């Protein structure tokens, strides 16, 4: 399930994306890089790398927007069935998934089972 972005959040995300797209465009057409891209394959690689970078940005934003990115209350340990505690004293750890276009980084809230002494990443509510 995906939560809805507020208009302010959407505007900030769009501005970040457009700035990243501008930077990729400027790099691709920079006087420093263009002379190094002589063959079609070199140009193709640069353009697809730029597209992959923008795609990862969008995917990271979408993954971070999911319900699983928000803390879950009342989650019980799947091993012992006991209550879990929120790990709010530390920032959520960054995780990475490997997509077809490279690593996508995101964070997920953690909970801890005091009985099992392990960290848990609850599934979506």
PDB file of N, CA and C in Angstrom:
ATOM      1  N   UNK A   1       0.840  -1.172   0.000  1.00  0.00           N
ATOM      2  CA  UNK A   1       0.000   0.000   0.000  1.00  0.00           C
ATOM      3  C   UNK A   1       0.890   1.241   0.000  1.00  0.00           C
ATOM      4  N   UNK A   2       0.471   2.231  -0.713  1.00  0.00           N
ATOM      5  CA  UNK A   2       1.263   3.456  -0.842  1.00  0.00           C
ATOM      6  C   UNK A   2       0.512   4.608  -0.194  1.00  0.00           C
ATOM      7  N   UNK A   3       1.191   5.375   0.610  1.00  0.00           N
ATOM      8  CA  UNK A   3       0.555   6.552   1.192  1.00  0.00           C
ATOM      9  C   UNK A   3       0.588   7.671   0.168  1.00  0.00           C
ATOM     10  N   UNK A   4      -0.292   8.590   0.288  1.00  0.00           N
ATOM     11  CA  UNK A   4      -0.358   9.697  -0.651  1.00  0.00           C
ATOM     12  C   UNK A   4       0.584  10.804  -0.210  1.00  0.00           C
ATOM     13  N   UNK A   5       1.372  11.300  -1.135  1.00  0.00           N
ATOM     14  CA  UNK A   5       2.243  12.431  -0.849  1.00  0.00           C
ATOM     15  C   UNK A   5       1.399  13.693  -0.746  1.00  0.00           C
ATOM     16  N   UNK A   6       1.805  14.580   0.154  1.00  0.00           N
ATOM     17  CA  UNK A   6       1.155  15.882   0.192  1.00  0.00           C
ATOM     18  C   UNK A   6       1.649  16.682  -1.008  1.00  0.00           C
ATOM     19  N   UNK A   7       0.945  17.747  -1.327  1.00  0.00           N
ATOM     20  CA  UNK A   7       1.374  18.591  -2.448  1.00  0.00           C
ATOM     21  C   UNK A   7       2.764  19.172  -2.178  1.00  0.00           C
ATOM     22  N   UNK A   8       3.040  19.530  -0.930  1.00  0.00           N
ATOM     23  CA  UNK A   8       4.358  20.077  -0.586  1.00  0.00           C
ATOM     24  C   UNK A   8       5.451  19.027  -0.764  1.00  0.00           C
ATOM     25  N   UNK A   9       5.192  17.789  -0.314  1.00  0.00           N
ATOM     26  CA  UNK A   9       6.166  16.704  -0.471  1.00  0.00           C
ATOM     27  C   UNK A   9       6.398  16.404  -1.955  1.00  0.00           C
ATOM     28  N   UNK A  10       5.319  16.411  -2.729  1.00  0.00           N
ATOM     29  CA  UNK A  10       5.424  16.141  -4.161  1.00  0.00           C
ATOM     30  C   UNK A  10       6.250  17.238  -4.855  1.00  0.00           C
ATOM     31  N   UNK A  11       6.039  18.484  -4.451  1.00  0.00           N
ATOM     32  CA  UNK A  11       6.781  19.600  -5.052  1.00  0.00           C
ATOM     33  C   UNK A  11       8.272  19.494  -4.728  1.00  0.00           C
ATOM     34  N   UNK A  12       8.604  19.123  -3.499  1.00  0.00           N
ATOM     35  CA  UNK A  12      10.013  18.966  -3.109  1.00  0.00           C
ATOM     36  C   UNK A  12      10.644  17.829  -3.901  1.00  0.00           C
ATOM     37  N   UNK A  13       9.942  16.703  -4.005  1.00  0.00           N
ATOM     38  CA  UNK A  13      10.455  15.547  -4.742  1.00  0.00           C
ATOM     39  C   UNK A  13      10.642  15.884  -6.219  1.00  0.00           C
ATOM     40  N   UNK A  14       9.693  16.588  -6.795  1.00  0.00           N
ATOM     41  CA  UNK A  14       9.797  16.980  -8.200  1.00  0.00           C
ATOM     42  C   UNK A  14      10.985  17.912  -8.418  1.00  0.00           C
ATOM     43  N   UNK A  15      11.185  18.853  -7.511  1.00  0.00           N
ATOM     44  CA  UNK A  15      12.323  19.773  -7.630  1.00  0.00           C
ATOM     45  C   UNK A  15      13.640  19.003  -7.542  1.00  0.00           C
ATOM     46  N   UNK A  16      13.724  18.040  -6.646  1.00  0.00           N
ATOM     47  CA  UNK A  16      14.943  17.222  -6.523  1.00  0.00           C
ATOM     48  C   UNK A  16      15.187  16.435  -7.810  1.00  0.00           C
ATOM     49  N   UNK A  17      14.118  15.854  -8.355  1.00  0.00           N
ATOM     50  CA  UNK A  17      14.253  15.080  -9.588  1.00  0.00           C
ATOM     51  C   UNK A  17      14.705  15.975 -10.739  1.00  0.00           C
ATOM     52  N   UNK A  18      14.086  17.126 -10.885  1.00  0.00           N
ATOM     53  CA  UNK A  18      14.444  18.025 -11.990  1.00  0.00           C
ATOM     54  C   UNK A  18      15.876  18.530 -11.860  1.00  0.00           C
ATOM     55  N   UNK A  19      16.321  18.772 -10.643  1.00  0.00           N
ATOM     56  CA  UNK A  19      17.720  19.193 -10.450  1.00  0.00           C
ATOM     57  C   UNK A  19      18.667  18.066 -10.822  1.00  0.00           C
ATOM     58  N   UNK A  20      18.315  16.844 -10.453  1.00  0.00           N
ATOM     59  CA  UNK A  20      19.138  15.685 -10.814  1.00  0.00           C
ATOM     60  C   UNK A  20      19.151  15.506 -12.332  1.00  0.00           C
ATOM     61  N   UNK A  21      17.998  15.669 -12.981  1.00  0.00           N
ATOM     62  CA  UNK A  21      17.926  15.553 -14.445  1.00  0.00           C
ATOM     63  C   UNK A  21      18.771  16.648 -15.111  1.00  0.00           C
ATOM     64  N   UNK A  22      18.710  17.867 -14.586  1.00  0.00           N
ATOM     65  CA  UNK A  22      19.547  18.962 -15.121  1.00  0.00           C
ATOM     66  C   UNK A  22      21.025  18.624 -15.008  1.00  0.00           C
ATOM     67  N   UNK A  23      21.410  18.084 -13.851  1.00  0.00           N
ATOM     68  CA  UNK A  23      22.817  17.737 -13.633  1.00  0.00           C
ATOM     69  C   UNK A  23      23.264  16.647 -14.608  1.00  0.00           C
ATOM     70  N   UNK A  24      22.420  15.645 -14.823  1.00  0.00           N
ATOM     71  CA  UNK A  24      22.762  14.580 -15.780  1.00  0.00           C
ATOM     72  C   UNK A  24      22.871  15.145 -17.196  1.00  0.00           C
ATOM     73  N   UNK A  25      21.964  16.032 -17.573  1.00  0.00           N
ATOM     74  CA  UNK A  25      22.004  16.657 -18.895  1.00  0.00           C
ATOM     75  C   UNK A  25      23.297  17.461 -19.070  1.00  0.00           C
ATOM     76  N   UNK A  26      23.589  18.291 -18.083  1.00  0.00           N
ATOM     77  CA  UNK A  26      24.802  19.125 -18.156  1.00  0.00           C
ATOM     78  C   UNK A  26      26.056  18.270 -18.239  1.00  0.00           C
ATOM     79  N   UNK A  27      26.080  17.193 -17.477  1.00  0.00           N
ATOM     80  CA  UNK A  27      27.260  16.318 -17.516  1.00  0.00           C
ATOM     81  C   UNK A  27      27.393  15.664 -18.891  1.00  0.00           C
ATOM     82  N   UNK A  28      26.268  15.188 -19.427  1.00  0.00           N
ATOM     83  CA  UNK A  28      26.294  14.512 -20.726  1.00  0.00           C
ATOM     84  C   UNK A  28      26.778  15.448 -21.835  1.00  0.00           C
ATOM     85  N   UNK A  29      26.386  16.695 -21.776  1.00  0.00           N
ATOM     86  CA  UNK A  29      26.750  17.645 -22.819  1.00  0.00           C
ATOM     87  C   UNK A  29      27.885  18.589 -22.405  1.00  0.00           C
ATOM     88  N   UNK A  30      28.612  18.223 -21.356  1.00  0.00           N
ATOM     89  CA  UNK A  30      29.715  19.079 -20.898  1.00  0.00           C
ATOM     90  C   UNK A  30      30.869  19.037 -21.892  1.00  0.00           C
ATOM     91  N   UNK A  31      31.576  20.125 -21.969  1.00  0.00           N
ATOM     92  CA  UNK A  31      32.730  20.213 -22.863  1.00  0.00           C
ATOM     93  C   UNK A  31      33.843  19.266 -22.412  1.00  0.00           C
ATOM     94  N   UNK A  32      33.814  18.878 -21.158  1.00  0.00           N
ATOM     95  CA  UNK A  32      34.817  17.941 -20.641  1.00  0.00           C
ATOM     96  C   UNK A  32      34.518  16.505 -21.072  1.00  0.00           C
ATOM     97  N   UNK A  33      33.245  16.126 -21.030  1.00  0.00           N
ATOM     98  CA  UNK A  33      32.884  14.738 -21.295  1.00  0.00           C
ATOM     99  C   UNK A  33      32.624  14.442 -22.777  1.00  0.00           C
ATOM    100  N   UNK A  34      32.038  15.365 -23.496  1.00  0.00           N
ATOM    101  CA  UNK A  34      31.657  15.099 -24.892  1.00  0.00           C
ATOM    102  C   UNK A  34      32.813  14.642 -25.777  1.00  0.00           C
ATOM    103  N   UNK A  35      33.991  15.257 -25.685  1.00  0.00           N
ATOM    104  CA  UNK A  35      35.088  14.782 -26.537  1.00  0.00           C
ATOM    105  C   UNK A  35      35.518  13.346 -26.239  1.00  0.00           C
ATOM    106  N   UNK A  36      35.215  12.867 -25.035  1.00  0.00           N
ATOM    107  CA  UNK A  36      35.596  11.499 -24.663  1.00  0.00           C
ATOM    108  C   UNK A  36      34.600  10.477 -25.194  1.00  0.00           C
ATOM    109  N   UNK A  37      33.441  10.926 -25.628  1.00  0.00           N
ATOM    110  CA  UNK A  37      32.419  10.017 -26.141  1.00  0.00           C
ATOM    111  C   UNK A  37      32.465  10.049 -27.667  1.00  0.00           C
ATOM    112  N   UNK A  38      33.332   9.250 -28.224  1.00  0.00           N
ATOM    113  CA  UNK A  38      33.528   9.263 -29.668  1.00  0.00           C
ATOM    114  C   UNK A  38      32.657   8.245 -30.400  1.00  0.00           C
ATOM    115  N   UNK A  39      32.477   7.087 -29.806  1.00  0.00           N
ATOM    116  CA  UNK A  39      31.738   6.033 -30.495  1.00  0.00           C
ATOM    117  C   UNK A  39      30.276   6.042 -30.055  1.00  0.00           C
ATOM    118  N   UNK A  40      29.459   5.402 -30.857  1.00  0.00           N
ATOM    119  CA  UNK A  40      28.044   5.268 -30.510  1.00  0.00           C
ATOM    120  C   UNK A  40      27.890   4.545 -29.175  1.00  0.00           C
ATOM    121  N   UNK A  41      28.678   3.508 -28.967  1.00  0.00           N
ATOM    122  CA  UNK A  41      28.600   2.732 -27.729  1.00  0.00           C
ATOM    123  C   UNK A  41      28.932   3.595 -26.516  1.00  0.00           C
ATOM    124  N   UNK A  42      29.935   4.460 -26.615  1.00  0.00           N
ATOM    125  CA  UNK A  42      30.277   5.356 -25.500  1.00  0.00           C
ATOM    126  C   UNK A  42      29.141   6.340 -25.229  1.00  0.00           C
ATOM    127  N   UNK A  43      28.529   6.870 -26.282  1.00  0.00           N
ATOM    128  CA  UNK A  43      27.405   7.795 -26.105  1.00  0.00           C
ATOM    129  C   UNK A  43      26.204   7.064 -25.519  1.00  0.00           C
ATOM    130  N   UNK A  44      25.943   5.875 -26.030  1.00  0.00           N
ATOM    131  CA  UNK A  44      24.835   5.072 -25.534  1.00  0.00           C
ATOM    132  C   UNK A  44      25.021   4.767 -24.049  1.00  0.00           C
ATOM    133  N   UNK A  45      26.213   4.367 -23.672  1.00  0.00           N
ATOM    134  CA  UNK A  45      26.495   4.030 -22.277  1.00  0.00           C
ATOM    135  C   UNK A  45      26.247   5.225 -21.368  1.00  0.00           C
ATOM    136  N   UNK A  46      26.739   6.389 -21.765  1.00  0.00           N
ATOM    137  CA  UNK A  46      26.555   7.595 -20.955  1.00  0.00           C
ATOM    138  C   UNK A  46      25.069   7.933 -20.803  1.00  0.00           C
ATOM    139  N   UNK A  47      24.336   7.872 -21.909  1.00  0.00           N
ATOM    140  CA  UNK A  47      22.910   8.217 -21.864  1.00  0.00           C
ATOM    141  C   UNK A  47      22.123   7.224 -21.018  1.00  0.00           C
ATOM    142  N   UNK A  48      22.424   5.951 -21.149  1.00  0.00           N
ATOM    143  CA  UNK A  48      21.710   4.952 -20.356  1.00  0.00           C
ATOM    144  C   UNK A  48      22.108   5.030 -18.886  1.00  0.00           C
ATOM    145  N   UNK A  49      23.358   5.371 -18.598  1.00  0.00           N
ATOM    146  CA  UNK A  49      23.769   5.569 -17.205  1.00  0.00           C
ATOM    147  C   UNK A  49      22.987   6.724 -16.582  1.00  0.00           C
ATOM    148  N   UNK A  50      22.805   7.794 -17.339  1.00  0.00           N
ATOM    149  CA  UNK A  50      22.032   8.940 -16.844  1.00  0.00           C
ATOM    150  C   UNK A  50      20.584   8.531 -16.590  1.00  0.00           C
ATOM    151  N   UNK A  51      20.003   7.786 -17.517  1.00  0.00           N
ATOM    152  CA  UNK A  51      18.631   7.321 -17.338  1.00  0.00           C
ATOM    153  C   UNK A  51      18.493   6.380 -16.157  1.00  0.00           C
ATOM    154  N   UNK A  52      19.472   5.499 -15.987  1.00  0.00           N
ATOM    155  CA  UNK A  52      19.442   4.578 -14.846  1.00  0.00           C
ATOM    156  C   UNK A  52      19.495   5.339 -13.529  1.00  0.00           C
ATOM    157  N   UNK A  53      20.310   6.372 -13.482  1.00  0.00           N
ATOM    158  CA  UNK A  53      20.425   7.181 -12.274  1.00  0.00           C
ATOM    159  C   UNK A  53      19.083   7.840 -11.928  1.00  0.00           C
ATOM    160  N   UNK A  54      18.423   8.381 -12.940  1.00  0.00           N
ATOM    161  CA  UNK A  54      17.117   9.008 -12.716  1.00  0.00           C
ATOM    162  C   UNK A  54      16.070   7.958 -12.337  1.00  0.00           C
ATOM    163  N   UNK A  55      16.136   6.804 -12.949  1.00  0.00           N
ATOM    164  CA  UNK A  55      15.205   5.734 -12.616  1.00  0.00           C
ATOM    165  C   UNK A  55      15.362   5.256 -11.185  1.00  0.00           C
ATOM    166  N   UNK A  56      16.621   5.119 -10.725  1.00  0.00           N
ATOM    167  CA  UNK A  56      16.856   4.708  -9.335  1.00  0.00           C
ATOM    168  C   UNK A  56      16.295   5.752  -8.369  1.00  0.00           C
ATOM    169  N   UNK A  57      16.473   7.041  -8.701  1.00  0.00           N
ATOM    170  CA  UNK A  57      15.936   8.111  -7.848  1.00  0.00           C
ATOM    171  C   UNK A  57      14.425   7.957  -7.693  1.00  0.00           C
ATOM    172  N   UNK A  58      13.730   7.758  -8.806  1.00  0.00           N
ATOM    173  CA  UNK A  58      12.280   7.612  -8.765  1.00  0.00           C
ATOM    174  C   UNK A  58      11.863   6.358  -7.997  1.00  0.00           C
ATOM    175  N   UNK A  59      12.576   5.257  -8.205  1.00  0.00           N
ATOM    176  CA  UNK A  59      12.246   4.012  -7.522  1.00  0.00           C
ATOM    177  C   UNK A  59      12.481   4.142  -6.016  1.00  0.00           C
ATOM    178  N   UNK A  60      13.584   4.770  -5.634  1.00  0.00           N
ATOM    179  CA  UNK A  60      13.852   4.979  -4.211  1.00  0.00           C
ATOM    180  C   UNK A  60      12.739   5.810  -3.574  1.00  0.00           C
ATOM    181  N   UNK A  61      12.288   6.849  -4.273  1.00  0.00           N
ATOM    182  CA  UNK A  61      11.217   7.693  -3.747  1.00  0.00           C
ATOM    183  C   UNK A  61       9.933   6.889  -3.594  1.00  0.00           C
ATOM    184  N   UNK A  62       9.624   6.024  -4.562  1.00  0.00           N
ATOM    185  CA  UNK A  62       8.407   5.226  -4.486  1.00  0.00           C
ATOM    186  C   UNK A  62       8.488   4.204  -3.351  1.00  0.00           C
ATOM    187  N   UNK A  63       9.633   3.547  -3.199  1.00  0.00           N
ATOM    188  CA  UNK A  63       9.789   2.549  -2.144  1.00  0.00           C
ATOM    189  C   UNK A  63       9.704   3.217  -0.774  1.00  0.00           C
ATOM    190  N   UNK A  64      10.299   4.377  -0.637  1.00  0.00           N
ATOM    191  CA  UNK A  64      10.297   5.089   0.642  1.00  0.00           C
ATOM    192  C   UNK A  64       8.893   5.577   1.001  1.00  0.00           C
ATOM    193  N   UNK A  65       8.036   5.693   0.013  1.00  0.00           N
ATOM    194  CA  UNK A  65       6.678   6.184   0.217  1.00  0.00           C
ATOM    195  C   UNK A  65       5.717   5.080   0.692  1.00  0.00           C
ATOM    196  N   UNK A  66       6.119   3.829   0.590  1.00  0.00           N
ATOM    197  CA  UNK A  66       5.243   2.713   0.946  1.00  0.00           C
ATOM    198  C   UNK A  66       4.902   2.685   2.429  1.00  0.00           C
ATOM    199  N   UNK A  67       3.835   1.987   2.735  1.00  0.00           N
ATOM    200  CA  UNK A  67       3.402   1.818   4.127  1.00  0.00           C
ATOM    201  C   UNK A  67       4.508   1.241   4.998  1.00  0.00           C
ATOM    202  N   UNK A  68       5.325   0.354   4.442  1.00  0.00           N
ATOM    203  CA  UNK A  68       6.368  -0.293   5.245  1.00  0.00           C
ATOM    204  C   UNK A  68       7.420   0.694   5.721  1.00  0.00           C
ATOM    205  N   UNK A  69       7.429   1.891   5.177  1.00  0.00           N
ATOM    206  CA  UNK A  69       8.404   2.890   5.604  1.00  0.00           C
ATOM    207  C   UNK A  69       7.974   3.567   6.903  1.00  0.00           C
ATOM    208  N   UNK A  70       6.731   3.322   7.326  1.00  0.00           N
ATOM    209  CA  UNK A  70       6.230   3.932   8.565  1.00  0.00           C
ATOM    210  C   UNK A  70       6.302   2.915   9.701  1.00  0.00           C
ATOM    211  N   UNK A  71       6.497   3.388  10.924  1.00  0.00           N
ATOM    212  CA  UNK A  71       6.564   2.469  12.066  1.00  0.00           C
ATOM    213  C   UNK A  71       5.279   1.658  12.240  1.00  0.00           C
ATOM    214  N   UNK A  72       5.431   0.414  12.684  1.00  0.00           N
ATOM    215  CA  UNK A  72       4.311  -0.478  12.939  1.00  0.00           C
ATOM    216  C   UNK A  72       4.187  -0.637  14.450  1.00  0.00           C
ATOM    217  N   UNK A  73       2.990  -0.424  14.982  1.00  0.00           N
ATOM    218  CA  UNK A  73       2.766  -0.592  16.419  1.00  0.00           C
ATOM    219  C   UNK A  73       2.083  -1.931  16.661  1.00  0.00           C
ATOM    220  N   UNK A  74       2.369  -2.534  17.800  1.00  0.00           N
ATOM    221  CA  UNK A  74       1.698  -3.761  18.187  1.00  0.00           C
ATOM    222  C   UNK A  74       2.151  -4.995  17.428  1.00  0.00           C
ATOM    223  N   UNK A  75       3.332  -4.959  16.853  1.00  0.00           N
ATOM    224  CA  UNK A  75       3.846  -6.105  16.095  1.00  0.00           C
ATOM    225  C   UNK A  75       4.412  -7.125  17.067  1.00  0.00           C
ATOM    226  N   UNK A  76       4.015  -8.388  16.931  1.00  0.00           N
ATOM    227  CA  UNK A  76       4.544  -9.451  17.794  1.00  0.00           C
ATOM    228  C   UNK A  76       5.659 -10.188  17.072  1.00  0.00           C
ATOM    229  N   UNK A  77       6.562 -10.741  17.838  1.00  0.00           N
ATOM    230  CA  UNK A  77       7.697 -11.477  17.284  1.00  0.00           C
ATOM    231  C   UNK A  77       7.184 -12.728  16.568  1.00  0.00           C
ATOM    232  N   UNK A  78       7.600 -12.945  15.326  1.00  0.00           N
ATOM    233  CA  UNK A  78       7.139 -14.135  14.604  1.00  0.00           C
ATOM    234  C   UNK A  78       7.719 -15.433  15.163  1.00  0.00           C
ATOM    235  N   UNK A  79       8.797 -15.353  15.950  1.00  0.00           N
ATOM    236  CA  UNK A  79       9.407 -16.563  16.507  1.00  0.00           C
ATOM    237  C   UNK A  79       8.787 -16.975  17.843  1.00  0.00           C
ATOM    238  N   UNK A  80       8.721 -16.026  18.797  1.00  0.00           N
ATOM    239  CA  UNK A  80       8.250 -16.383  20.134  1.00  0.00           C
ATOM    240  C   UNK A  80       6.834 -15.891  20.433  1.00  0.00           C
ATOM    241  N   UNK A  81       6.307 -15.008  19.584  1.00  0.00           N
ATOM    242  CA  UNK A  81       4.956 -14.478  19.808  1.00  0.00           C
ATOM    243  C   UNK A  81       4.880 -13.392  20.847  1.00  0.00           C
ATOM    244  N   UNK A  82       6.044 -13.009  21.388  1.00  0.00           N
ATOM    245  CA  UNK A  82       6.069 -11.964  22.404  1.00  0.00           C
ATOM    246  C   UNK A  82       6.002 -10.570  21.800  1.00  0.00           C
ATOM    247  N   UNK A  83       5.788  -9.569  22.662  1.00  0.00           N
ATOM    248  CA  UNK A  83       5.717  -8.187  22.170  1.00  0.00           C
ATOM    249  C   UNK A  83       7.090  -7.682  21.709  1.00  0.00           C
ATOM    250  N   UNK A  84       7.067  -6.776  20.786  1.00  0.00           N
ATOM    251  CA  UNK A  84       8.303  -6.162  20.314  1.00  0.00           C
ATOM    252  C   UNK A  84       8.322  -4.701  20.737  1.00  0.00           C
ATOM    253  N   UNK A  85       9.514  -4.141  20.732  1.00  0.00           N
ATOM    254  CA  UNK A  85       9.699  -2.745  21.122  1.00  0.00           C
ATOM    255  C   UNK A  85      10.196  -1.945  19.927  1.00  0.00           C
ATOM    256  N   UNK A  86       9.728  -0.706  19.860  1.00  0.00           N
ATOM    257  CA  UNK A  86      10.193   0.191  18.794  1.00  0.00           C
ATOM    258  C   UNK A  86      11.651   0.541  19.036  1.00  0.00           C
ATOM    259  N   UNK A  87      12.412   0.674  17.970  1.00  0.00           N
ATOM    260  CA  UNK A  87      13.818   1.081  18.068  1.00  0.00           C
ATOM    261  C   UNK A  87      13.921   2.524  17.599  1.00  0.00           C
ATOM    262  N   UNK A  88      13.241   3.408  18.320  1.00  0.00           N
ATOM    263  CA  UNK A  88      13.169   4.803  17.921  1.00  0.00           C
ATOM    264  C   UNK A  88      14.374   5.614  18.378  1.00  0.00           C
ATOM    265  N   UNK A  89      15.213   5.027  19.250  1.00  0.00           N
ATOM    266  CA  UNK A  89      16.382   5.744  19.742  1.00  0.00           C
ATOM    267  C   UNK A  89      17.493   5.829  18.694  1.00  0.00           C
ATOM    268  N   UNK A  90      17.381   5.035  17.638  1.00  0.00           N
ATOM    269  CA  UNK A  90      18.378   5.036  16.562  1.00  0.00           C
ATOM    270  C   UNK A  90      17.669   5.323  15.241  1.00  0.00           C
ATOM    271  N   UNK A  91      18.366   5.944  14.310  1.00  0.00           N
ATOM    272  CA  UNK A  91      17.741   6.132  12.999  1.00  0.00           C
ATOM    273  C   UNK A  91      17.580   4.780  12.302  1.00  0.00           C
ATOM    274  N   UNK A  92      16.541   4.640  11.493  1.00  0.00           N
ATOM    275  CA  UNK A  92      16.366   3.369  10.796  1.00  0.00           C
ATOM    276  C   UNK A  92      17.576   3.059   9.913  1.00  0.00           C
ATOM    277  N   UNK A  93      18.007   1.809   9.902  1.00  0.00           N
ATOM    278  CA  UNK A  93      19.170   1.470   9.074  1.00  0.00           C
ATOM    279  C   UNK A  93      18.838   1.542   7.588  1.00  0.00           C
ATOM    280  N   UNK A  94      19.833   1.896   6.803  1.00  0.00           N
ATOM    281  CA  UNK A  94      19.659   1.926   5.360  1.00  0.00           C
ATOM    282  C   UNK A  94      19.834   0.515   4.819  1.00  0.00           C
ATOM    283  N   UNK A  95      18.966   0.158   3.909  1.00  0.00           N
ATOM    284  CA  UNK A  95      19.047  -1.144   3.261  1.00  0.00           C
ATOM    285  C   UNK A  95      19.171  -0.914   1.768  1.00  0.00           C
ATOM    286  N   UNK A  96      19.524  -1.948   1.037  1.00  0.00           N
ATOM    287  CA  UNK A  96      19.639  -1.823  -0.415  1.00  0.00           C
ATOM    288  C   UNK A  96      19.087  -3.073  -1.086  1.00  0.00           C
ATOM    289  N   UNK A  97      18.386  -2.851  -2.165  1.00  0.00           N
ATOM    290  CA  UNK A  97      17.943  -3.927  -3.039  1.00  0.00           C
ATOM    291  C   UNK A  97      18.614  -3.702  -4.375  1.00  0.00           C
ATOM    292  N   UNK A  98      18.963  -4.770  -5.042  1.00  0.00           N
ATOM    293  CA  UNK A  98      19.578  -4.633  -6.352  1.00  0.00           C
ATOM    294  C   UNK A  98      18.467  -4.741  -7.398  1.00  0.00           C
ATOM    295  N   UNK A  99      18.252  -3.648  -8.106  1.00  0.00           N
ATOM    296  CA  UNK A  99      17.243  -3.619  -9.161  1.00  0.00           C
ATOM    297  C   UNK A  99      17.925  -3.871 -10.503  1.00  0.00           C
ATOM    298  N   UNK A 100      17.145  -3.891 -11.553  1.00  0.00           N
ATOM    299  CA  UNK A 100      17.724  -4.067 -12.892  1.00  0.00           C
ATOM    300  C   UNK A 100      18.619  -2.895 -13.264  1.00  0.00           C
ATOM    301  N   UNK A 101      18.469  -1.774 -12.591  1.00  0.00           N
ATOM    302  CA  UNK A 101      19.244  -0.572 -12.900  1.00  0.00           C
ATOM    303  C   UNK A 101      20.263  -0.215 -11.826  1.00  0.00           C
ATOM    304  N   UNK A 102      20.493  -1.103 -10.892  1.00  0.00           N
ATOM    305  CA  UNK A 102      21.489  -0.854  -9.857  1.00  0.00           C
ATOM    306  C   UNK A 102      20.863  -0.863  -8.471  1.00  0.00           C
ATOM    307  N   UNK A 103      21.679  -0.575  -7.471  1.00  0.00           N
ATOM    308  CA  UNK A 103      21.224  -0.621  -6.080  1.00  0.00           C
ATOM    309  C   UNK A 103      20.249   0.509  -5.793  1.00  0.00           C
ATOM    310  N   UNK A 104      19.166   0.161  -5.112  1.00  0.00           N
ATOM    311  CA  UNK A 104      18.166   1.121  -4.663  1.00  0.00           C
ATOM    312  C   UNK A 104      18.232   1.132  -3.149  1.00  0.00           C
ATOM    313  N   UNK A 105      18.471   2.291  -2.578  1.00  0.00           N
ATOM    314  CA  UNK A 105      18.637   2.417  -1.131  1.00  0.00           C
ATOM    315  C   UNK A 105      17.356   2.959  -0.495  1.00  0.00           C
ATOM    316  N   UNK A 106      17.042   2.439   0.701  1.00  0.00           N
ATOM    317  CA  UNK A 106      15.855   2.879   1.420  1.00  0.00           C
ATOM    318  C   UNK A 106      16.028   2.548   2.892  1.00  0.00           C
ATOM    319  N   UNK A 107      15.153   3.093   3.721  1.00  0.00           N
ATOM    320  CA  UNK A 107      15.182   2.798   5.155  1.00  0.00           C
ATOM    321  C   UNK A 107      13.847   2.167   5.549  1.00  0.00           C
ATOM    322  N   UNK A 108      13.887   1.376   6.606  1.00  0.00           N
ATOM    323  CA  UNK A 108      12.697   0.762   7.171  1.00  0.00           C
ATOM    324  C   UNK A 108      12.820   0.824   8.688  1.00  0.00           C
ATOM    325  N   UNK A 109      11.711   1.139   9.384  1.00  0.00           N
ATOM    326  CA  UNK A 109      11.761   1.154  10.841  1.00  0.00           C
ATOM    327  C   UNK A 109      12.008  -0.252  11.389  1.00  0.00           C
ATOM    328  N   UNK A 110      12.731  -0.298  12.482  1.00  0.00           N
ATOM    329  CA  UNK A 110      13.049  -1.568  13.120  1.00  0.00           C
ATOM    330  C   UNK A 110      12.258  -1.720  14.408  1.00  0.00           C
ATOM    331  N   UNK A 111      12.022  -2.965  14.790  1.00  0.00           N
ATOM    332  CA  UNK A 111      11.507  -3.282  16.110  1.00  0.00           C
ATOM    333  C   UNK A 111      12.460  -4.319  16.686  1.00  0.00           C
ATOM    334  N   UNK A 112      12.421  -4.495  17.987  1.00  0.00           N
ATOM    335  CA  UNK A 112      13.306  -5.458  18.638  1.00  0.00           C
ATOM    336  C   UNK A 112      12.485  -6.386  19.517  1.00  0.00           C
ATOM    337  N   UNK A 113      12.862  -7.655  19.523  1.00  0.00           N
ATOM    338  CA  UNK A 113      12.241  -8.625  20.429  1.00  0.00           C
ATOM    339  C   UNK A 113      13.207  -8.815  21.598  1.00  0.00           C
ATOM    340  N   UNK A 114      12.827  -8.360  22.792  1.00  0.00           N
ATOM    341  CA  UNK A 114      13.737  -8.505  23.935  1.00  0.00           C
ATOM    342  C   UNK A 114      13.969  -9.969  24.314  1.00  0.00           C
ATOM    343  N   UNK A 115      12.970 -10.830  24.111  1.00  0.00           N
ATOM    344  CA  UNK A 115      13.123 -12.241  24.467  1.00  0.00           C
ATOM    345  C   UNK A 115      14.095 -12.952  23.524  1.00  0.00           C
ATOM    346  N   UNK A 116      13.935 -12.719  22.232  1.00  0.00           N
ATOM    347  CA  UNK A 116      14.795 -13.389  21.241  1.00  0.00           C
ATOM    348  C   UNK A 116      16.094 -12.621  20.990  1.00  0.00           C
ATOM    349  N   UNK A 117      16.139 -11.391  21.454  1.00  0.00           N
ATOM    350  CA  UNK A 117      17.310 -10.526  21.269  1.00  0.00           C
ATOM    351  C   UNK A 117      17.661 -10.388  19.781  1.00  0.00           C
ATOM    352  N   UNK A 118      16.648  -9.989  19.007  1.00  0.00           N
ATOM    353  CA  UNK A 118      16.898  -9.788  17.581  1.00  0.00           C
ATOM    354  C   UNK A 118      16.113  -8.600  17.079  1.00  0.00           C
ATOM    355  N   UNK A 119      16.631  -8.044  16.011  1.00  0.00           N
ATOM    356  CA  UNK A 119      15.959  -6.926  15.349  1.00  0.00           C
ATOM    357  C   UNK A 119      15.015  -7.472  14.290  1.00  0.00           C
ATOM    358  N   UNK A 120      13.896  -6.798  14.124  1.00  0.00           N
ATOM    359  CA  UNK A 120      12.885  -7.233  13.157  1.00  0.00           C
ATOM    360  C   UNK A 120      12.497  -6.070  12.264  1.00  0.00           C
ATOM    361  N   UNK A 121      12.183  -6.375  11.037  1.00  0.00           N
ATOM    362  CA  UNK A 121      11.657  -5.405  10.103  1.00  0.00           C
ATOM    363  C   UNK A 121      10.253  -5.873   9.759  1.00  0.00           C
ATOM    364  N   UNK A 122       9.234  -5.338  10.452  1.00  0.00           N
ATOM    365  CA  UNK A 122       7.877  -5.813  10.233  1.00  0.00           C
ATOM    366  C   UNK A 122       7.399  -5.614   8.801  1.00  0.00           C
ATOM    367  N   UNK A 123       6.600  -6.566   8.323  1.00  0.00           N
ATOM    368  CA  UNK A 123       5.994  -6.382   7.002  1.00  0.00           C
ATOM    369  C   UNK A 123       4.932  -5.301   7.075  1.00  0.00           C
ATOM    370  N   UNK A 124       4.395  -4.958   5.938  1.00  0.00           N
ATOM    371  CA  UNK A 124       3.385  -3.898   5.947  1.00  0.00           C
ATOM    372  C   UNK A 124       2.207  -4.291   6.823  1.00  0.00           C
ATOM    373  N   UNK A 125       1.544  -3.279   7.395  1.00  0.00           N
ATOM    374  CA  UNK A 125       0.423  -3.537   8.312  1.00  0.00           C
ATOM    375  C   UNK A 125      -0.760  -4.161   7.603  1.00  0.00           C
TER     376      UNK A 125
END
